[in-house]
């Protein structure tokens, strides 16, 4: 489906930059046609988004049944005031990814994604992840099949 407001279409590279800079994204799943969305810390590496979690939980249960997912980030950059309610608007940026989730089994990929995730979100220097630490979590990659962006800039 084509975006209605073509004047707000962001380029693929802009959408990827929104993904790189966002701290939280929303993973949307479908469990037998019942929607489920969960906020996540994540990192973009190559053509995949990575997140980590416990070895068990609802999102993993859903992904085992249906690995197709949607991932969204957004930024509210301000409000455009107006003389009446209908003149108000929002300045924003957003990106939507459609992809397929997979469990990261390769130890090198798992450790590098965990290190990238920590580097992105750590407020101070950190010790690199080792095999023992990596074994304590599950890492999931969402391989990007499509990405689109939208923005209303000041």
N, C-alpha and C. Protein backbone atom coordinates (compact mmCIF):
# COMPACT_ATOMS: atom_id res chain seq x y z
N UNK A 1 0.85 -1.18 0.00
CA UNK A 1 0.00 0.00 0.00
C UNK A 1 0.89 1.24 0.00
N UNK A 2 0.57 2.16 -0.85
CA UNK A 2 1.34 3.38 -0.98
C UNK A 2 0.94 4.37 0.11
N UNK A 3 1.95 5.11 0.60
CA UNK A 3 1.69 6.12 1.63
C UNK A 3 0.87 7.26 1.04
N UNK A 4 -0.16 7.66 1.78
CA UNK A 4 -1.06 8.72 1.32
C UNK A 4 -0.32 10.05 1.19
N UNK A 5 0.46 10.41 2.19
CA UNK A 5 1.15 11.70 2.20
C UNK A 5 2.58 11.53 1.68
N UNK A 6 2.72 11.52 0.36
CA UNK A 6 4.03 11.34 -0.25
C UNK A 6 5.02 12.43 0.14
N UNK A 7 4.50 13.61 0.50
CA UNK A 7 5.37 14.71 0.91
C UNK A 7 6.05 14.43 2.25
N UNK A 8 5.61 13.42 2.97
CA UNK A 8 6.19 13.08 4.27
C UNK A 8 7.02 11.80 4.22
N UNK A 9 7.14 11.22 3.04
CA UNK A 9 7.91 10.00 2.86
C UNK A 9 9.39 10.27 3.13
N UNK A 10 9.97 9.48 4.01
CA UNK A 10 11.41 9.57 4.29
C UNK A 10 12.13 8.54 3.42
N UNK A 11 13.37 8.82 3.09
CA UNK A 11 14.15 7.87 2.30
C UNK A 11 14.48 6.64 3.15
N UNK A 12 14.89 5.57 2.48
CA UNK A 12 15.31 4.36 3.19
C UNK A 12 16.45 4.68 4.16
N UNK A 13 17.42 5.48 3.70
CA UNK A 13 18.55 5.81 4.56
C UNK A 13 18.10 6.63 5.77
N UNK A 14 17.16 7.55 5.59
CA UNK A 14 16.62 8.29 6.73
C UNK A 14 15.93 7.34 7.71
N UNK A 15 15.14 6.42 7.18
CA UNK A 15 14.45 5.45 8.05
C UNK A 15 15.45 4.62 8.83
N UNK A 16 16.53 4.19 8.18
CA UNK A 16 17.57 3.42 8.88
C UNK A 16 18.25 4.27 9.95
N UNK A 17 18.43 5.56 9.68
CA UNK A 17 19.02 6.44 10.68
C UNK A 17 18.09 6.60 11.89
N UNK A 18 16.79 6.67 11.66
CA UNK A 18 15.84 6.71 12.78
C UNK A 18 16.00 5.45 13.63
N UNK A 19 16.17 4.30 12.98
CA UNK A 19 16.37 3.04 13.71
C UNK A 19 17.68 3.06 14.49
N UNK A 20 18.74 3.61 13.89
CA UNK A 20 20.03 3.66 14.59
C UNK A 20 19.96 4.54 15.83
N UNK A 21 19.22 5.62 15.75
CA UNK A 21 19.24 6.59 16.85
C UNK A 21 18.18 6.35 17.93
N UNK A 22 17.17 5.56 17.65
CA UNK A 22 16.12 5.31 18.65
C UNK A 22 16.65 4.41 19.76
N UNK A 23 16.24 4.70 20.97
CA UNK A 23 16.63 3.87 22.11
C UNK A 23 15.63 2.76 22.38
N UNK A 24 14.37 3.01 22.05
CA UNK A 24 13.30 2.03 22.28
C UNK A 24 12.51 1.86 20.99
N UNK A 25 12.17 0.62 20.70
CA UNK A 25 11.31 0.32 19.57
C UNK A 25 10.20 -0.59 20.04
N UNK A 26 9.20 -0.77 19.21
CA UNK A 26 8.02 -1.57 19.57
C UNK A 26 7.90 -2.73 18.60
N UNK A 27 8.01 -3.94 19.14
CA UNK A 27 7.90 -5.16 18.37
C UNK A 27 6.45 -5.61 18.39
N UNK A 28 5.84 -5.72 17.21
CA UNK A 28 4.44 -6.12 17.10
C UNK A 28 4.36 -7.51 16.51
N UNK A 29 3.59 -8.34 17.20
CA UNK A 29 3.45 -9.75 16.84
C UNK A 29 1.98 -10.10 16.73
N UNK A 30 1.71 -11.27 16.15
CA UNK A 30 0.33 -11.75 16.07
C UNK A 30 0.28 -13.17 16.59
N UNK A 31 -0.55 -13.37 17.61
CA UNK A 31 -0.73 -14.68 18.24
C UNK A 31 -2.14 -15.16 17.91
N UNK A 32 -2.26 -15.97 16.86
CA UNK A 32 -3.56 -16.46 16.41
C UNK A 32 -4.53 -15.29 16.18
N UNK A 33 -4.06 -14.29 15.46
CA UNK A 33 -4.81 -13.08 15.12
C UNK A 33 -5.09 -12.16 16.31
N UNK A 34 -4.41 -12.38 17.43
CA UNK A 34 -4.50 -11.48 18.57
C UNK A 34 -3.21 -10.66 18.59
N UNK A 35 -3.30 -9.33 18.49
CA UNK A 35 -2.09 -8.52 18.45
C UNK A 35 -1.40 -8.47 19.81
N UNK A 36 -0.08 -8.36 19.76
CA UNK A 36 0.75 -8.22 20.97
C UNK A 36 1.94 -7.34 20.61
N UNK A 37 2.13 -6.27 21.33
CA UNK A 37 3.24 -5.35 21.09
C UNK A 37 4.01 -5.16 22.38
N UNK A 38 5.35 -5.17 22.26
CA UNK A 38 6.20 -5.04 23.42
C UNK A 38 7.33 -4.05 23.12
N UNK A 39 7.61 -3.13 24.07
CA UNK A 39 8.74 -2.21 23.87
C UNK A 39 10.05 -2.92 24.14
N UNK A 40 11.08 -2.57 23.36
CA UNK A 40 12.39 -3.22 23.48
C UNK A 40 13.53 -2.25 23.28
N UNK A 41 14.64 -2.48 23.98
CA UNK A 41 15.92 -1.89 23.60
C UNK A 41 16.44 -2.76 22.47
N UNK A 42 17.12 -2.19 21.52
CA UNK A 42 17.56 -2.93 20.34
C UNK A 42 18.76 -2.25 19.73
N UNK A 43 19.37 -2.92 18.78
CA UNK A 43 20.45 -2.31 18.00
C UNK A 43 20.30 -2.78 16.56
N UNK A 44 20.62 -1.88 15.63
CA UNK A 44 20.62 -2.20 14.21
C UNK A 44 22.05 -2.56 13.82
N UNK A 45 22.22 -3.73 13.24
CA UNK A 45 23.52 -4.17 12.70
C UNK A 45 23.27 -4.75 11.33
N UNK A 46 23.87 -4.18 10.31
CA UNK A 46 23.65 -4.66 8.96
C UNK A 46 22.19 -4.54 8.59
N UNK A 47 21.60 -5.65 8.16
CA UNK A 47 20.20 -5.63 7.75
C UNK A 47 19.31 -6.34 8.78
N UNK A 48 19.73 -6.27 10.05
CA UNK A 48 18.95 -6.92 11.11
C UNK A 48 18.89 -6.04 12.35
N UNK A 49 17.77 -6.16 13.05
CA UNK A 49 17.61 -5.56 14.38
C UNK A 49 17.83 -6.68 15.39
N UNK A 50 18.54 -6.38 16.48
CA UNK A 50 18.82 -7.39 17.50
C UNK A 50 18.27 -6.93 18.84
N UNK A 51 17.72 -7.88 19.58
CA UNK A 51 17.34 -7.63 20.97
C UNK A 51 17.63 -8.88 21.77
N UNK A 52 17.72 -8.70 23.09
CA UNK A 52 17.94 -9.86 23.95
C UNK A 52 16.81 -9.95 24.96
N UNK A 53 16.64 -11.15 25.50
CA UNK A 53 15.58 -11.38 26.48
C UNK A 53 15.89 -12.66 27.25
N UNK A 54 15.02 -12.98 28.18
CA UNK A 54 15.14 -14.23 28.91
C UNK A 54 14.92 -15.40 27.95
N UNK A 55 15.21 -16.60 28.41
CA UNK A 55 15.05 -17.78 27.56
C UNK A 55 13.59 -18.19 27.38
N UNK A 56 12.70 -17.67 28.21
CA UNK A 56 11.28 -18.01 28.11
C UNK A 56 10.46 -16.73 28.20
N UNK A 57 9.26 -16.77 27.65
CA UNK A 57 8.38 -15.62 27.75
C UNK A 57 7.38 -15.58 26.61
N UNK A 58 6.42 -14.71 26.76
CA UNK A 58 5.32 -14.64 25.79
C UNK A 58 5.79 -14.30 24.38
N UNK A 59 6.69 -13.30 24.24
CA UNK A 59 7.10 -12.92 22.89
C UNK A 59 7.81 -14.07 22.18
N UNK A 60 8.62 -14.84 22.91
CA UNK A 60 9.28 -15.99 22.30
C UNK A 60 8.27 -17.07 21.92
N UNK A 61 7.29 -17.28 22.77
CA UNK A 61 6.24 -18.26 22.46
C UNK A 61 5.52 -17.88 21.17
N UNK A 62 5.21 -16.60 21.03
CA UNK A 62 4.51 -16.13 19.83
C UNK A 62 5.42 -16.25 18.60
N UNK A 63 6.68 -15.83 18.74
CA UNK A 63 7.60 -15.88 17.62
C UNK A 63 7.87 -17.30 17.14
N UNK A 64 7.83 -18.27 18.05
CA UNK A 64 8.00 -19.67 17.63
C UNK A 64 6.86 -20.10 16.70
N UNK A 65 5.66 -19.59 16.97
CA UNK A 65 4.50 -19.94 16.15
C UNK A 65 4.44 -19.11 14.87
N UNK A 66 4.87 -17.84 14.97
CA UNK A 66 4.76 -16.93 13.83
C UNK A 66 5.93 -15.93 13.90
N UNK A 67 7.01 -16.19 13.16
CA UNK A 67 8.18 -15.31 13.22
C UNK A 67 8.03 -14.01 12.43
N UNK A 68 6.92 -13.84 11.71
CA UNK A 68 6.69 -12.59 10.98
C UNK A 68 6.36 -11.50 11.99
N UNK A 69 7.00 -10.34 11.84
CA UNK A 69 6.79 -9.28 12.82
C UNK A 69 6.95 -7.91 12.18
N UNK A 70 6.55 -6.93 12.95
CA UNK A 70 6.66 -5.53 12.58
C UNK A 70 7.38 -4.83 13.73
N UNK A 71 8.25 -3.88 13.41
CA UNK A 71 8.99 -3.16 14.43
C UNK A 71 8.91 -1.67 14.11
N UNK A 72 8.61 -0.85 15.11
CA UNK A 72 8.35 0.57 14.89
C UNK A 72 9.15 1.41 15.87
N UNK A 73 9.71 2.51 15.37
CA UNK A 73 10.28 3.55 16.22
C UNK A 73 9.65 4.88 15.83
N UNK A 74 9.55 5.80 16.79
CA UNK A 74 9.03 7.12 16.47
C UNK A 74 9.61 8.16 17.41
N UNK A 75 9.61 9.38 16.93
CA UNK A 75 10.11 10.53 17.68
C UNK A 75 9.10 11.66 17.54
N UNK A 76 8.72 12.26 18.65
CA UNK A 76 7.90 13.47 18.63
C UNK A 76 8.87 14.64 18.73
N UNK A 77 8.98 15.42 17.66
CA UNK A 77 9.96 16.50 17.60
C UNK A 77 9.38 17.87 17.93
N UNK A 78 8.11 17.94 18.27
CA UNK A 78 7.51 19.20 18.65
C UNK A 78 6.08 19.28 18.14
N UNK A 79 5.41 20.33 18.59
CA UNK A 79 4.02 20.57 18.21
C UNK A 79 3.95 21.86 17.41
N UNK A 80 3.21 21.82 16.31
CA UNK A 80 2.96 23.01 15.49
C UNK A 80 1.68 23.65 16.03
N UNK A 81 1.80 24.82 16.64
CA UNK A 81 0.60 25.47 17.19
C UNK A 81 -0.27 26.07 16.09
N UNK A 82 -1.48 26.37 16.45
CA UNK A 82 -2.41 26.99 15.52
C UNK A 82 -3.42 27.85 16.26
N UNK A 83 -4.24 28.53 15.49
CA UNK A 83 -5.26 29.39 16.08
C UNK A 83 -6.46 28.60 16.59
N UNK A 84 -6.67 27.40 16.04
CA UNK A 84 -7.74 26.54 16.54
C UNK A 84 -7.23 25.10 16.52
N UNK A 85 -8.00 24.20 17.09
CA UNK A 85 -7.56 22.82 17.26
C UNK A 85 -7.15 22.15 15.95
N UNK A 86 -7.86 22.40 14.89
CA UNK A 86 -7.57 21.75 13.61
C UNK A 86 -6.30 22.26 12.95
N UNK A 87 -5.78 23.39 13.41
CA UNK A 87 -4.54 23.93 12.86
C UNK A 87 -3.30 23.35 13.54
N UNK A 88 -3.46 22.69 14.68
CA UNK A 88 -2.33 22.08 15.37
C UNK A 88 -1.85 20.85 14.60
N UNK A 89 -0.61 20.51 14.81
CA UNK A 89 -0.05 19.32 14.19
C UNK A 89 1.20 18.90 14.94
N UNK A 90 1.78 17.80 14.55
CA UNK A 90 2.97 17.29 15.19
C UNK A 90 4.13 17.25 14.20
N UNK A 91 5.31 17.59 14.69
CA UNK A 91 6.55 17.36 13.95
C UNK A 91 7.06 16.01 14.44
N UNK A 92 7.38 15.10 13.53
CA UNK A 92 7.73 13.74 13.94
C UNK A 92 8.64 13.08 12.92
N UNK A 93 9.22 11.96 13.34
CA UNK A 93 9.95 11.04 12.47
C UNK A 93 9.57 9.64 12.91
N UNK A 94 9.45 8.72 11.96
CA UNK A 94 9.15 7.34 12.32
C UNK A 94 9.67 6.39 11.26
N UNK A 95 9.88 5.14 11.68
CA UNK A 95 10.30 4.08 10.77
C UNK A 95 9.54 2.82 11.12
N UNK A 96 9.17 2.08 10.09
CA UNK A 96 8.46 0.82 10.27
C UNK A 96 9.24 -0.26 9.51
N UNK A 97 9.54 -1.34 10.20
CA UNK A 97 10.23 -2.48 9.62
C UNK A 97 9.27 -3.66 9.57
N UNK A 98 9.27 -4.35 8.45
CA UNK A 98 8.61 -5.65 8.34
C UNK A 98 9.73 -6.66 8.23
N UNK A 99 9.64 -7.75 9.02
CA UNK A 99 10.72 -8.71 8.98
C UNK A 99 10.35 -10.06 9.55
N UNK A 100 11.35 -10.90 9.59
CA UNK A 100 11.20 -12.25 10.12
C UNK A 100 12.21 -12.43 11.24
N UNK A 101 11.73 -12.91 12.37
CA UNK A 101 12.59 -13.12 13.54
C UNK A 101 13.27 -14.48 13.45
N UNK A 102 14.50 -14.51 13.97
CA UNK A 102 15.23 -15.76 14.09
C UNK A 102 16.06 -15.73 15.36
N UNK A 103 16.25 -16.90 15.95
CA UNK A 103 17.10 -17.02 17.12
C UNK A 103 18.54 -16.96 16.65
N UNK A 104 19.37 -16.19 17.35
CA UNK A 104 20.78 -16.10 17.00
C UNK A 104 21.51 -17.23 17.71
N UNK A 105 21.96 -18.20 16.94
CA UNK A 105 22.65 -19.38 17.48
C UNK A 105 24.17 -19.27 17.34
N UNK A 106 24.62 -18.58 16.30
CA UNK A 106 26.05 -18.43 16.07
C UNK A 106 26.66 -17.61 17.21
N UNK A 107 27.64 -18.19 17.90
CA UNK A 107 28.22 -17.56 19.09
C UNK A 107 28.86 -16.21 18.78
N UNK A 108 29.57 -16.11 17.66
CA UNK A 108 30.21 -14.85 17.29
C UNK A 108 29.18 -13.76 17.03
N UNK A 109 28.12 -14.10 16.30
CA UNK A 109 27.05 -13.14 16.02
C UNK A 109 26.34 -12.74 17.31
N UNK A 110 26.11 -13.69 18.19
CA UNK A 110 25.43 -13.42 19.46
C UNK A 110 26.24 -12.46 20.32
N UNK A 111 27.53 -12.75 20.47
CA UNK A 111 28.38 -11.90 21.30
C UNK A 111 28.54 -10.51 20.68
N UNK A 112 28.74 -10.43 19.36
CA UNK A 112 28.90 -9.11 18.74
C UNK A 112 27.63 -8.28 18.84
N UNK A 113 26.47 -8.92 18.71
CA UNK A 113 25.22 -8.16 18.83
C UNK A 113 25.00 -7.70 20.27
N UNK A 114 25.33 -8.54 21.24
CA UNK A 114 25.20 -8.13 22.64
C UNK A 114 26.17 -6.99 22.97
N UNK A 115 27.38 -7.05 22.44
CA UNK A 115 28.33 -5.95 22.66
C UNK A 115 27.84 -4.67 22.00
N UNK A 116 27.29 -4.77 20.80
CA UNK A 116 26.76 -3.58 20.12
C UNK A 116 25.57 -3.01 20.88
N UNK A 117 24.71 -3.89 21.37
CA UNK A 117 23.55 -3.45 22.15
C UNK A 117 23.99 -2.72 23.42
N UNK A 118 24.97 -3.29 24.11
CA UNK A 118 25.48 -2.67 25.33
C UNK A 118 26.16 -1.34 25.02
N UNK A 119 26.97 -1.31 23.96
CA UNK A 119 27.65 -0.07 23.59
C UNK A 119 26.65 1.04 23.27
N UNK A 120 25.56 0.67 22.62
CA UNK A 120 24.54 1.67 22.27
C UNK A 120 23.85 2.24 23.50
N UNK A 121 23.57 1.41 24.48
CA UNK A 121 22.74 1.84 25.60
C UNK A 121 23.49 2.11 26.91
N UNK A 122 24.76 1.70 27.00
CA UNK A 122 25.50 1.89 28.25
C UNK A 122 25.84 3.37 28.43
N UNK A 123 25.75 3.83 29.65
CA UNK A 123 26.09 5.22 29.96
C UNK A 123 27.55 5.36 30.37
N UNK A 124 28.23 4.23 30.54
CA UNK A 124 29.63 4.26 30.91
C UNK A 124 30.32 3.08 30.23
N UNK A 125 31.64 3.02 30.38
CA UNK A 125 32.39 1.92 29.79
C UNK A 125 31.88 0.59 30.35
N UNK A 126 31.97 -0.45 29.56
CA UNK A 126 31.47 -1.75 30.00
C UNK A 126 32.48 -2.83 29.63
N UNK A 127 32.38 -3.93 30.34
CA UNK A 127 33.19 -5.10 30.02
C UNK A 127 32.52 -5.83 28.85
N UNK A 128 33.30 -6.24 27.86
CA UNK A 128 32.69 -6.97 26.74
C UNK A 128 32.02 -8.26 27.22
N UNK A 129 30.99 -8.65 26.49
CA UNK A 129 30.25 -9.87 26.80
C UNK A 129 31.14 -11.07 26.50
N UNK A 130 31.09 -12.07 27.37
CA UNK A 130 31.82 -13.30 27.12
C UNK A 130 30.83 -14.43 26.85
N UNK A 131 31.34 -15.63 26.56
CA UNK A 131 30.47 -16.76 26.23
C UNK A 131 29.53 -17.12 27.37
N UNK A 132 30.00 -17.02 28.60
CA UNK A 132 29.16 -17.36 29.76
C UNK A 132 28.00 -16.38 29.88
N UNK A 133 28.29 -15.10 29.75
CA UNK A 133 27.23 -14.09 29.82
C UNK A 133 26.25 -14.26 28.66
N UNK A 134 26.78 -14.51 27.47
CA UNK A 134 25.92 -14.69 26.30
C UNK A 134 24.98 -15.88 26.47
N UNK A 135 25.46 -16.92 27.14
CA UNK A 135 24.63 -18.11 27.33
C UNK A 135 23.45 -17.85 28.26
N UNK A 136 23.52 -16.78 29.05
CA UNK A 136 22.46 -16.51 30.03
C UNK A 136 21.25 -15.80 29.43
N UNK A 137 21.33 -15.41 28.15
CA UNK A 137 20.22 -14.70 27.50
C UNK A 137 19.94 -15.31 26.12
N UNK A 138 18.76 -15.01 25.63
CA UNK A 138 18.40 -15.33 24.26
C UNK A 138 18.57 -14.07 23.43
N UNK A 139 19.15 -14.20 22.26
CA UNK A 139 19.26 -13.08 21.33
C UNK A 139 18.43 -13.42 20.10
N UNK A 140 17.60 -12.47 19.72
CA UNK A 140 16.75 -12.62 18.54
C UNK A 140 17.13 -11.54 17.54
N UNK A 141 17.23 -11.92 16.28
CA UNK A 141 17.44 -10.97 15.19
C UNK A 141 16.16 -10.88 14.39
N UNK A 142 15.79 -9.68 14.02
CA UNK A 142 14.70 -9.47 13.07
C UNK A 142 15.36 -9.08 11.76
N UNK A 143 15.35 -10.00 10.83
CA UNK A 143 15.94 -9.74 9.52
C UNK A 143 14.98 -8.87 8.72
N UNK A 144 15.46 -7.71 8.31
CA UNK A 144 14.62 -6.70 7.67
C UNK A 144 14.28 -7.12 6.24
N UNK A 145 12.99 -7.18 5.97
CA UNK A 145 12.50 -7.45 4.61
C UNK A 145 12.10 -6.16 3.91
N UNK A 146 11.57 -5.21 4.69
CA UNK A 146 11.27 -3.88 4.15
C UNK A 146 11.34 -2.88 5.29
N UNK A 147 11.67 -1.65 4.92
CA UNK A 147 11.70 -0.56 5.90
C UNK A 147 11.17 0.68 5.21
N UNK A 148 10.33 1.42 5.92
CA UNK A 148 9.82 2.68 5.38
C UNK A 148 9.89 3.73 6.48
N UNK A 149 9.95 4.97 6.07
CA UNK A 149 10.02 6.06 7.01
C UNK A 149 9.07 7.17 6.65
N UNK A 150 8.72 7.94 7.65
CA UNK A 150 7.81 9.07 7.45
C UNK A 150 8.25 10.17 8.39
N UNK A 151 8.13 11.41 7.96
CA UNK A 151 8.54 12.54 8.79
C UNK A 151 7.78 13.80 8.42
N UNK A 152 7.54 14.59 9.41
CA UNK A 152 7.05 15.97 9.22
C UNK A 152 8.07 16.82 9.96
N UNK A 153 8.89 17.50 9.18
CA UNK A 153 10.00 18.26 9.76
C UNK A 153 9.64 19.71 9.91
N UNK A 154 10.30 20.34 10.84
CA UNK A 154 10.09 21.78 11.08
C UNK A 154 10.52 22.59 9.89
